[in-house]
Every structure is written in structure tokens, then in C-alpha cells.
Amino acid sequence: PGSVNGRIRITEQGEVIASKYADARIGRRNLETLIAATMEATLLGHGELGNQAAPYFEVMEFLSARALQAYRELVYETPGFERFFREATPIAELAELQIGSRPASRKNTLIIKELRAIPWVFSWSLSRLMLPGWYGFGSAVQALIARDGGQALAVLAAMHRRWPFMQTLLSNMDMVLAKGDPGIAASYAELVSDAGLRQRIFGRIQGEWQLTVKHLLAITGQRELLQNNPTLARSLRNRSPYIDPLNHLQVALLRRLRAGEDDEVCRRAVLLTINGVAAGLRNSG
């Protein structure tokens, strides 16, 4: 409360400016949305939690710690994960494309911790896993259930009903999961040359995906993703027939490029699919 007080300053990423403001009507709609949100945050109540604040904060700290643990175990403590990431996403091609003002890594290295945030998220978005936006939530909720028993989900559902922070957090996760596609992600995983590594890591990611979706739906009371956001759900249904073929085309192009068919036409085609998928998903980095 109070962080937005009649004004807000935002940064629009360069790659979305044309899609959001080139058309006057769409530009007006985007500006209206920003103005309405600013007025809402300034003038409306924030749903004070009262004596429930301390218990809710304790639960959130527990979830945060367990989700962080699961995420770091996958990214930093799983043997071969870096190789999986490099082969199952277009990160190498993104790093070579001149589409940003800064290099993908802070140093001239392939180490994940040196990657900048945008290419890290962008590469997972292109492969339709969206991993940084949800991985670890399912394990965290499962750990809470193991600690508190059957009441854990009821407490989380109450937090979702009463706490705007929790509503926003889960709404964002709902959106990210809806834009993901494990089937398409599996096609990208096929680019990993080591079959054993691919099955071990992608199987683990799939398991966490299923657990996360299961618990998200249970907490929000939805039967399916985006049930509470029908406008976005309809928009995604309309966009998917255009986005999904671009993903499959991108996988085929990446396979050709990495097999040695390194020519200007192939690289140009990869760039076009990257731009197309990013424009369709409206989530890049």
C-alpha cells in the first residue's frame, strides 16, 4: 500500500513497442489499462489482513524457502543441467543475434550464473517451458502439505481469497503456465543429444509441471488454467494456431543449424521464428 500513489513509471521492452503501440486503437487500449491500474492501486483498499498477517507471512516464507531450494537444486546442483539448457533452448542462437543492447552473458563464458536475466527467461519462453515463472511451486506446496497435513490447501485457498499479493502471484503463474506447452517443450528437449540426460532432466521438469498445475488449480478453485481470466484464455486460443507452428519450425531450423547447415537463410529464418513466437506469446524476458 502506498507504493503506487497517483503515478507509476514503467519500462517497455523494445521488442514489444511496435505490437503494443503501432496501431492507434491498440495503443490507446494499452494506455487505458495502465491508467486504470494506477487509479485502482491508488484509490481502492488493499484488503488489510489484520491478525492473519503473521500466519500468512509465515506460510509464504516457508513456500519461498522450499521453492528456492527446489529451483536451485535443478539449476545449479543437477549434473548436466547446463548442457540440457544449452541444447534444449535457443540460448546459443539468441546470444549471437543482434537483438539487444547488451551481450547475453556478463562475461565471455557459458556458465548459467553469468547469464543476464532477459536471455535466461527468453530462452525458456521460446521453448514453451517458461521454467523460471513456476518451477518449485509444486514442490513447495507439497512440502507444506507434508508439514501441516490436509489443512494446508485450505489455508492457501484462504490466502488466495483474502490477500491481493497471493492473488497476483498465482494469477501470474496461471498465465505463464497457460502460455507454456509441455508437448512443444518435448520437441525442444529432443534437440539434446544425450538421450539419458534428456529423459532424466525433462522427466523431472514434467513432474514438477504436473504438481504445480495440480496445486495451483486446487488453491484457486479452477477446473482449468485461466478459467478466471476468460479474456486472456480466448486470446491465447486465437493465437496458438499461429504460434505453435512457429515453434515446430524453429525446432527444425535449430536442428539444421546445429548439424552444420550454417547459412544466412537458415539464421535469418531462426530470427524470424524468434520474433514471431515472442510477439505471439507477449512474454520474452
Protein backbone atom coordinates (compact mmCIF):
# COMPACT_ATOMS: atom_id res chain seq x y z
CA PRO A 1 0.00 0.00 0.00
CA GLY A 2 1.24 3.44 -0.95
CA SER A 3 3.87 2.28 -3.41
CA VAL A 4 1.62 3.50 -6.24
CA ASN A 5 0.25 6.93 -5.39
CA GLY A 6 -1.30 8.51 -8.45
CA ARG A 7 1.66 7.85 -10.71
CA ILE A 8 3.82 4.98 -11.94
CA ARG A 9 6.96 4.73 -14.07
CA ILE A 10 7.43 1.70 -16.30
CA THR A 11 9.85 0.46 -18.94
CA GLU A 12 8.57 -1.08 -22.17
CA GLN A 13 10.93 -3.56 -23.80
CA GLY A 14 11.90 -2.55 -27.31
CA GLU A 15 10.67 -5.71 -29.00
CA VAL A 16 7.06 -5.17 -27.85
CA ILE A 17 6.68 -1.45 -28.59
CA ALA A 18 5.50 -1.98 -32.17
CA SER A 19 2.97 -4.66 -31.23
CA LYS A 20 1.56 -2.54 -28.39
CA TYR A 21 1.59 0.98 -29.85
CA ALA A 22 1.96 0.90 -33.65
CA ASP A 23 -1.82 0.66 -34.02
CA ALA A 24 -3.56 3.69 -32.50
CA ARG A 25 -6.52 1.72 -31.13
CA ILE A 26 -4.32 -0.94 -29.51
CA GLY A 27 -2.02 1.78 -28.17
CA ARG A 28 -4.99 3.58 -26.62
CA ARG A 29 -6.17 0.31 -25.06
CA ASN A 30 -2.75 -0.33 -23.50
CA LEU A 31 -2.57 3.20 -22.09
CA GLU A 32 -6.11 2.93 -20.72
CA THR A 33 -5.15 -0.31 -18.97
CA LEU A 34 -2.10 1.31 -17.36
CA ILE A 35 -4.07 4.37 -16.25
CA ALA A 36 -6.91 2.26 -14.84
CA ALA A 37 -4.48 0.07 -12.91
CA THR A 38 -2.72 3.12 -11.46
CA MET A 39 -6.03 4.64 -10.35
CA GLU A 40 -7.18 1.33 -8.89
CA ALA A 41 -3.97 0.83 -6.91
CA THR A 42 -4.13 4.40 -5.64
CA LEU A 43 -7.79 4.72 -4.69
CA LEU A 44 -9.08 1.28 -3.73
CA GLY A 45 -8.49 -0.59 -0.49
CA HIS A 46 -5.72 -3.15 -0.32
CA GLY A 47 -7.50 -5.82 1.70
CA GLU A 48 -5.71 -5.47 5.03
CA LEU A 49 -5.03 -8.86 6.58
CA GLY A 50 -5.32 -7.81 10.23
CA ASN A 51 -4.41 -10.58 12.67
CA GLN A 52 -3.98 -13.02 9.79
CA ALA A 53 -0.88 -11.22 8.50
CA ALA A 54 1.65 -13.06 10.68
CA PRO A 55 0.39 -16.61 9.88
CA TYR A 56 0.13 -15.81 6.17
CA PHE A 57 3.63 -14.36 6.11
CA GLU A 58 4.99 -17.46 7.85
CA VAL A 59 3.39 -19.73 5.25
CA MET A 60 4.75 -17.57 2.44
CA GLU A 61 8.26 -17.64 3.91
CA PHE A 62 8.06 -21.43 4.10
CA LEU A 63 6.87 -21.70 0.48
CA SER A 64 9.54 -19.27 -0.68
CA ALA A 65 12.35 -21.22 1.00
CA ARG A 66 11.17 -24.59 -0.34
CA ALA A 67 10.58 -23.26 -3.87
CA LEU A 68 14.03 -21.66 -3.90
CA GLN A 69 15.57 -24.93 -2.74
CA ALA A 70 13.83 -26.92 -5.50
CA TYR A 71 14.78 -24.37 -8.16
CA ARG A 72 18.44 -24.20 -7.17
CA GLU A 73 18.68 -27.99 -6.88
CA LEU A 74 17.57 -28.25 -10.50
CA VAL A 75 19.56 -25.37 -11.99
CA TYR A 76 22.81 -25.50 -10.01
CA GLU A 77 23.02 -28.93 -8.41
CA THR A 78 21.81 -31.28 -11.16
CA PRO A 79 24.69 -32.79 -13.16
CA GLY A 80 24.32 -32.00 -16.85
CA PHE A 81 21.63 -29.34 -16.42
CA GLU A 82 23.71 -26.65 -18.09
CA ARG A 83 24.18 -28.88 -21.15
CA PHE A 84 20.44 -29.64 -21.21
CA PHE A 85 19.64 -25.93 -21.09
CA ARG A 86 22.11 -25.10 -23.87
CA GLU A 87 20.77 -27.80 -26.19
CA ALA A 88 17.04 -27.71 -25.35
CA THR A 89 16.61 -23.95 -25.77
CA PRO A 90 17.75 -21.41 -28.41
CA ILE A 91 20.05 -19.64 -25.94
CA ALA A 92 23.13 -20.03 -28.18
CA GLU A 93 21.30 -18.58 -31.16
CA LEU A 94 19.85 -15.76 -29.03
CA ALA A 95 23.33 -14.86 -27.85
CA GLU A 96 24.52 -14.49 -31.44
CA LEU A 97 21.56 -12.47 -32.72
CA GLN A 98 21.82 -8.68 -32.67
CA ILE A 99 18.52 -8.04 -30.92
CA GLY A 100 19.66 -6.49 -27.66
CA SER A 101 21.80 -3.64 -26.41
CA ARG A 102 23.95 -5.91 -24.23
CA PRO A 103 25.53 -9.36 -24.60
CA ALA A 104 23.61 -12.35 -23.25
CA SER A 105 26.29 -13.07 -20.62
CA ARG A 106 28.07 -10.66 -18.32
CA LYS A 107 31.36 -12.44 -19.04
CA ASN A 108 32.63 -14.43 -22.01
CA THR A 109 31.56 -17.75 -20.51
CA LEU A 110 28.82 -20.39 -20.79
CA ILE A 111 28.17 -20.52 -17.03
CA ILE A 112 24.47 -20.04 -16.23
CA LYS A 113 25.01 -17.70 -13.29
CA GLU A 114 26.73 -15.24 -15.64
CA LEU A 115 23.71 -15.08 -17.98
CA ARG A 116 21.65 -11.91 -17.90
CA ALA A 117 18.06 -12.28 -16.76
CA ILE A 118 16.37 -11.50 -20.08
CA PRO A 119 18.09 -14.14 -22.25
CA TRP A 120 17.65 -16.69 -19.43
CA VAL A 121 13.89 -16.15 -19.32
CA PHE A 122 13.56 -15.51 -23.07
CA SER A 123 15.14 -18.85 -24.00
CA TRP A 124 12.77 -20.79 -21.70
CA SER A 125 9.82 -18.84 -23.11
CA LEU A 126 10.75 -19.71 -26.69
CA SER A 127 10.96 -23.40 -25.80
CA ARG A 128 7.49 -23.08 -24.20
CA LEU A 129 8.58 -24.28 -20.75
CA MET A 130 8.53 -20.84 -19.06
CA LEU A 131 10.52 -22.56 -16.31
CA PRO A 132 11.63 -19.51 -14.23
CA GLY A 133 7.99 -18.46 -13.77
CA TRP A 134 6.73 -21.54 -11.92
CA TYR A 135 9.38 -24.18 -11.17
CA GLY A 136 9.48 -25.06 -7.47
CA PHE A 137 5.93 -24.02 -6.56
CA GLY A 138 4.53 -27.55 -6.74
CA SER A 139 7.31 -28.93 -4.54
CA ALA A 140 6.86 -26.08 -2.07
CA VAL A 141 3.13 -26.73 -1.68
CA GLN A 142 3.79 -30.45 -1.37
CA ALA A 143 6.25 -29.72 1.46
CA LEU A 144 3.65 -27.54 3.20
CA ILE A 145 1.11 -30.37 2.95
CA ALA A 146 3.66 -32.77 4.45
CA ARG A 147 4.19 -30.32 7.32
CA ASP A 148 0.62 -29.18 8.02
CA GLY A 149 -1.50 -32.02 6.66
CA GLY A 150 -4.86 -31.61 4.95
CA GLN A 151 -5.42 -28.05 6.23
CA ALA A 152 -2.52 -26.70 4.16
CA LEU A 153 -4.55 -26.34 0.94
CA ALA A 154 -7.44 -24.76 2.85
CA VAL A 155 -5.07 -22.15 4.30
CA LEU A 156 -3.59 -21.44 0.87
CA ALA A 157 -7.09 -21.09 -0.61
CA ALA A 158 -7.99 -18.59 2.14
CA MET A 159 -4.79 -16.66 1.45
CA HIS A 160 -5.75 -16.53 -2.23
CA ARG A 161 -9.24 -15.20 -1.41
CA ARG A 162 -8.12 -12.54 1.07
CA TRP A 163 -4.64 -11.42 0.07
CA PRO A 164 -4.13 -9.37 -3.14
CA PHE A 165 -0.44 -10.31 -3.17
CA MET A 166 -1.30 -14.02 -3.33
CA GLN A 167 -3.95 -13.38 -5.98
CA THR A 168 -1.44 -11.53 -8.16
CA LEU A 169 1.27 -14.14 -7.63
CA LEU A 170 -0.95 -17.05 -8.62
CA SER A 171 -2.59 -15.11 -11.45
CA ASN A 172 0.85 -14.52 -12.99
CA MET A 173 1.74 -18.18 -12.56
CA ASP A 174 -1.58 -19.18 -14.12
CA MET A 175 -0.79 -17.02 -17.15
CA VAL A 176 2.76 -18.36 -17.52
CA LEU A 177 1.63 -21.99 -17.30
CA ALA A 178 -1.15 -21.37 -19.82
CA LYS A 179 1.35 -20.00 -22.32
CA GLY A 180 3.62 -22.99 -21.77
CA ASP A 181 3.18 -26.26 -23.64
CA PRO A 182 4.91 -29.44 -22.38
CA GLY A 183 4.27 -31.14 -25.73
CA ILE A 184 6.11 -28.45 -27.69
CA ALA A 185 8.78 -28.30 -24.98
CA ALA A 186 9.35 -32.02 -25.51
CA SER A 187 10.21 -31.27 -29.16
CA TYR A 188 12.89 -28.85 -27.99
CA ALA A 189 14.15 -31.45 -25.50
CA GLU A 190 14.68 -33.82 -28.44
CA LEU A 191 17.49 -31.49 -29.51
CA VAL A 192 19.50 -32.75 -26.52
CA SER A 193 21.93 -35.27 -27.98
CA ASP A 194 22.34 -37.33 -24.79
CA ALA A 195 19.11 -39.36 -24.50
CA GLY A 196 19.76 -40.34 -20.88
CA LEU A 197 20.36 -36.74 -19.84
CA ARG A 198 17.27 -35.62 -21.74
CA GLN A 199 14.98 -38.17 -20.12
CA ARG A 200 16.35 -37.58 -16.62
CA ILE A 201 16.06 -33.79 -16.61
CA PHE A 202 13.00 -33.30 -18.79
CA GLY A 203 11.17 -36.02 -16.86
CA ARG A 204 11.92 -34.14 -13.66
CA ILE A 205 10.67 -30.87 -15.14
CA GLN A 206 7.48 -32.57 -16.37
CA GLY A 207 6.83 -33.96 -12.90
CA GLU A 208 7.18 -30.53 -11.32
CA TRP A 209 4.92 -29.03 -14.02
CA GLN A 210 2.14 -31.52 -13.25
CA LEU A 211 2.49 -30.98 -9.49
CA THR A 212 2.43 -27.20 -9.91
CA VAL A 213 -0.68 -27.21 -12.12
CA LYS A 214 -2.45 -29.61 -9.74
CA HIS A 215 -1.83 -27.45 -6.67
CA LEU A 216 -2.50 -24.16 -8.48
CA LEU A 217 -5.94 -25.36 -9.59
CA ALA A 218 -6.71 -26.71 -6.12
CA ILE A 219 -5.83 -23.39 -4.45
CA THR A 220 -7.66 -21.15 -6.93
CA GLY A 221 -10.67 -23.46 -7.30
CA GLN A 222 -10.32 -23.56 -11.09
CA ARG A 223 -11.03 -26.62 -13.22
CA GLU A 224 -8.52 -25.50 -15.87
CA LEU A 225 -5.84 -22.86 -16.37
CA LEU A 226 -7.12 -19.30 -16.97
CA GLN A 227 -10.69 -20.23 -16.03
CA ASN A 228 -10.83 -17.00 -14.04
CA ASN A 229 -9.42 -14.97 -16.94
CA PRO A 230 -11.63 -15.84 -19.92
CA THR A 231 -10.47 -12.85 -21.98
CA LEU A 232 -6.85 -13.99 -21.93
CA ALA A 233 -7.89 -17.62 -22.40
CA ARG A 234 -9.81 -16.66 -25.57
CA SER A 235 -6.89 -14.58 -26.81
CA LEU A 236 -4.49 -17.50 -26.35
CA ARG A 237 -6.85 -19.87 -28.16
CA ASN A 238 -6.87 -17.46 -31.09
CA ARG A 239 -3.08 -17.02 -31.07
CA SER A 240 -1.98 -20.62 -30.57
CA PRO A 241 -2.66 -21.80 -34.15
CA TYR A 242 -0.11 -19.21 -35.30
CA ILE A 243 2.45 -19.59 -32.51
CA ASP A 244 2.67 -23.39 -32.32
CA PRO A 245 3.74 -23.96 -35.95
CA LEU A 246 6.47 -21.34 -35.50
CA ASN A 247 7.80 -23.32 -32.54
CA HIS A 248 7.90 -26.54 -34.57
CA LEU A 249 9.56 -24.70 -37.46
CA GLN A 250 12.11 -23.26 -35.04
CA VAL A 251 13.00 -26.73 -33.73
CA ALA A 252 13.57 -27.95 -37.29
CA LEU A 253 15.73 -24.93 -38.11
CA LEU A 254 17.77 -25.31 -34.92
CA ARG A 255 18.41 -28.95 -35.78
CA ARG A 256 19.64 -27.96 -39.24
CA LEU A 257 21.75 -25.12 -37.91
CA ARG A 258 23.41 -27.27 -35.27
CA ALA A 259 24.01 -30.05 -37.78
CA GLY A 260 26.24 -27.69 -39.74
CA GLU A 261 23.80 -26.09 -42.19
CA ASP A 262 25.07 -22.69 -41.17
CA ASP A 263 23.98 -20.25 -43.85
CA GLU A 264 22.43 -16.80 -43.89
CA VAL A 265 18.99 -18.05 -44.92
CA CYS A 266 18.80 -20.54 -42.04
CA ARG A 267 19.95 -17.98 -39.47
CA ARG A 268 17.54 -15.40 -40.82
CA ALA A 269 14.70 -17.92 -40.55
CA VAL A 270 15.62 -18.65 -36.91
CA LEU A 271 15.49 -14.92 -36.15
CA LEU A 272 12.06 -14.63 -37.76
CA THR A 273 10.68 -17.53 -35.71
CA ILE A 274 12.12 -15.99 -32.53
CA ASN A 275 10.41 -12.67 -33.29
CA GLY A 276 7.17 -14.41 -34.23
CA VAL A 277 6.93 -16.56 -31.10
CA ALA A 278 7.85 -13.62 -28.86
CA ALA A 279 5.20 -11.43 -30.50
CA GLY A 280 2.58 -14.17 -30.15
CA LEU A 281 3.29 -15.03 -26.54
CA ARG A 282 3.85 -11.41 -25.46
CA ASN A 283 6.32 -12.74 -22.89
CA SER A 284 10.00 -12.56 -23.73
CA GLY A 285 12.39 -11.72 -20.90
